[in-house]
Amino acid sequence: MKTNDAFDGFTIELFKDTDGDRLARFEELLNVSAFGNAPEKALQ
């Protein structure tokens, strides 16, 4: 998995939902999240 310096300093939590998709959520920015079918896709 590649890292992105734009996320430096933020904590990202990764979850797997009941459908098997991945959810990435910024701990410090509660209204910012993304999803994808793999962790890499959720972090893009």
C-alpha atoms as a PDB file:
ATOM      1  CA  MET A   1       0.000   0.000   0.000  1.00  0.00           C
ATOM      2  CA  LYS A   2       1.391   3.411  -0.950  1.00  0.00           C
ATOM      3  CA  THR A   3       1.375   6.218   1.570  1.00  0.00           C
ATOM      4  CA  ASN A   4       0.288   9.760   0.855  1.00  0.00           C
ATOM      5  CA  ASP A   5       2.021  12.614   2.676  1.00  0.00           C
ATOM      6  CA  ALA A   6      -1.182  14.676   2.421  1.00  0.00           C
ATOM      7  CA  PHE A   7      -2.573  12.540   5.273  1.00  0.00           C
ATOM      8  CA  ASP A   8       0.468  13.140   7.497  1.00  0.00           C
ATOM      9  CA  GLY A   9      -0.541  13.905  11.065  1.00  0.00           C
ATOM     10  CA  PHE A  10      -4.060  12.474  10.802  1.00  0.00           C
ATOM     11  CA  THR A  11      -5.233   9.178  12.244  1.00  0.00           C
ATOM     12  CA  ILE A  12      -7.130   7.014   9.761  1.00  0.00           C
ATOM     13  CA  GLU A  13      -9.306   4.164  11.002  1.00  0.00           C
ATOM     14  CA  LEU A  14     -10.184   1.337   8.605  1.00  0.00           C
ATOM     15  CA  PHE A  15     -13.358  -0.694   9.085  1.00  0.00           C
ATOM     16  CA  LYS A  16     -14.921  -3.593   7.209  1.00  0.00           C
ATOM     17  CA  ASP A  17     -18.698  -3.300   6.821  1.00  0.00           C
ATOM     18  CA  THR A  18     -21.217  -6.143   6.674  1.00  0.00           C
ATOM     19  CA  ASP A  19     -21.047  -6.211   2.845  1.00  0.00           C
ATOM     20  CA  GLY A  20     -17.261  -6.646   2.910  1.00  0.00           C
ATOM     21  CA  ASP A  21     -16.488  -3.102   1.744  1.00  0.00           C
ATOM     22  CA  ARG A  22     -13.850  -1.030   3.538  1.00  0.00           C
ATOM     23  CA  LEU A  23     -14.482   2.318   5.184  1.00  0.00           C
ATOM     24  CA  ALA A  24     -11.664   4.764   5.926  1.00  0.00           C
ATOM     25  CA  ARG A  25     -12.437   7.467   8.484  1.00  0.00           C
ATOM     26  CA  PHE A  26     -10.327  10.345   9.761  1.00  0.00           C
ATOM     27  CA  GLU A  27     -10.417  10.263  13.555  1.00  0.00           C
ATOM     28  CA  GLU A  28      -9.839  14.028  13.823  1.00  0.00           C
ATOM     29  CA  LEU A  29     -12.313  14.946  11.046  1.00  0.00           C
ATOM     30  CA  LEU A  30     -15.532  13.157  11.961  1.00  0.00           C
ATOM     31  CA  ASN A  31     -17.410  14.141   8.789  1.00  0.00           C
ATOM     32  CA  VAL A  32     -14.680  12.921   6.405  1.00  0.00           C
ATOM     33  CA  SER A  33     -14.763   9.304   5.244  1.00  0.00           C
ATOM     34  CA  ALA A  34     -14.365   7.212   2.102  1.00  0.00           C
ATOM     35  CA  PHE A  35     -15.119   3.648   1.078  1.00  0.00           C
ATOM     36  CA  GLY A  36     -13.920   1.031  -1.363  1.00  0.00           C
ATOM     37  CA  ASN A  37     -13.834  -2.712  -1.942  1.00  0.00           C
ATOM     38  CA  ALA A  38     -10.255  -2.922  -0.617  1.00  0.00           C
ATOM     39  CA  PRO A  39      -8.275  -0.916   1.968  1.00  0.00           C
ATOM     40  CA  GLU A  40      -6.186   0.657  -0.810  1.00  0.00           C
ATOM     41  CA  LYS A  41      -9.324   1.863  -2.605  1.00  0.00           C
ATOM     42  CA  ALA A  42     -10.788   3.343   0.580  1.00  0.00           C
ATOM     43  CA  LEU A  43      -7.577   5.331   1.127  1.00  0.00           C
ATOM     44  CA  GLN A  44      -7.416   6.794  -2.397  1.00  0.00           C
END
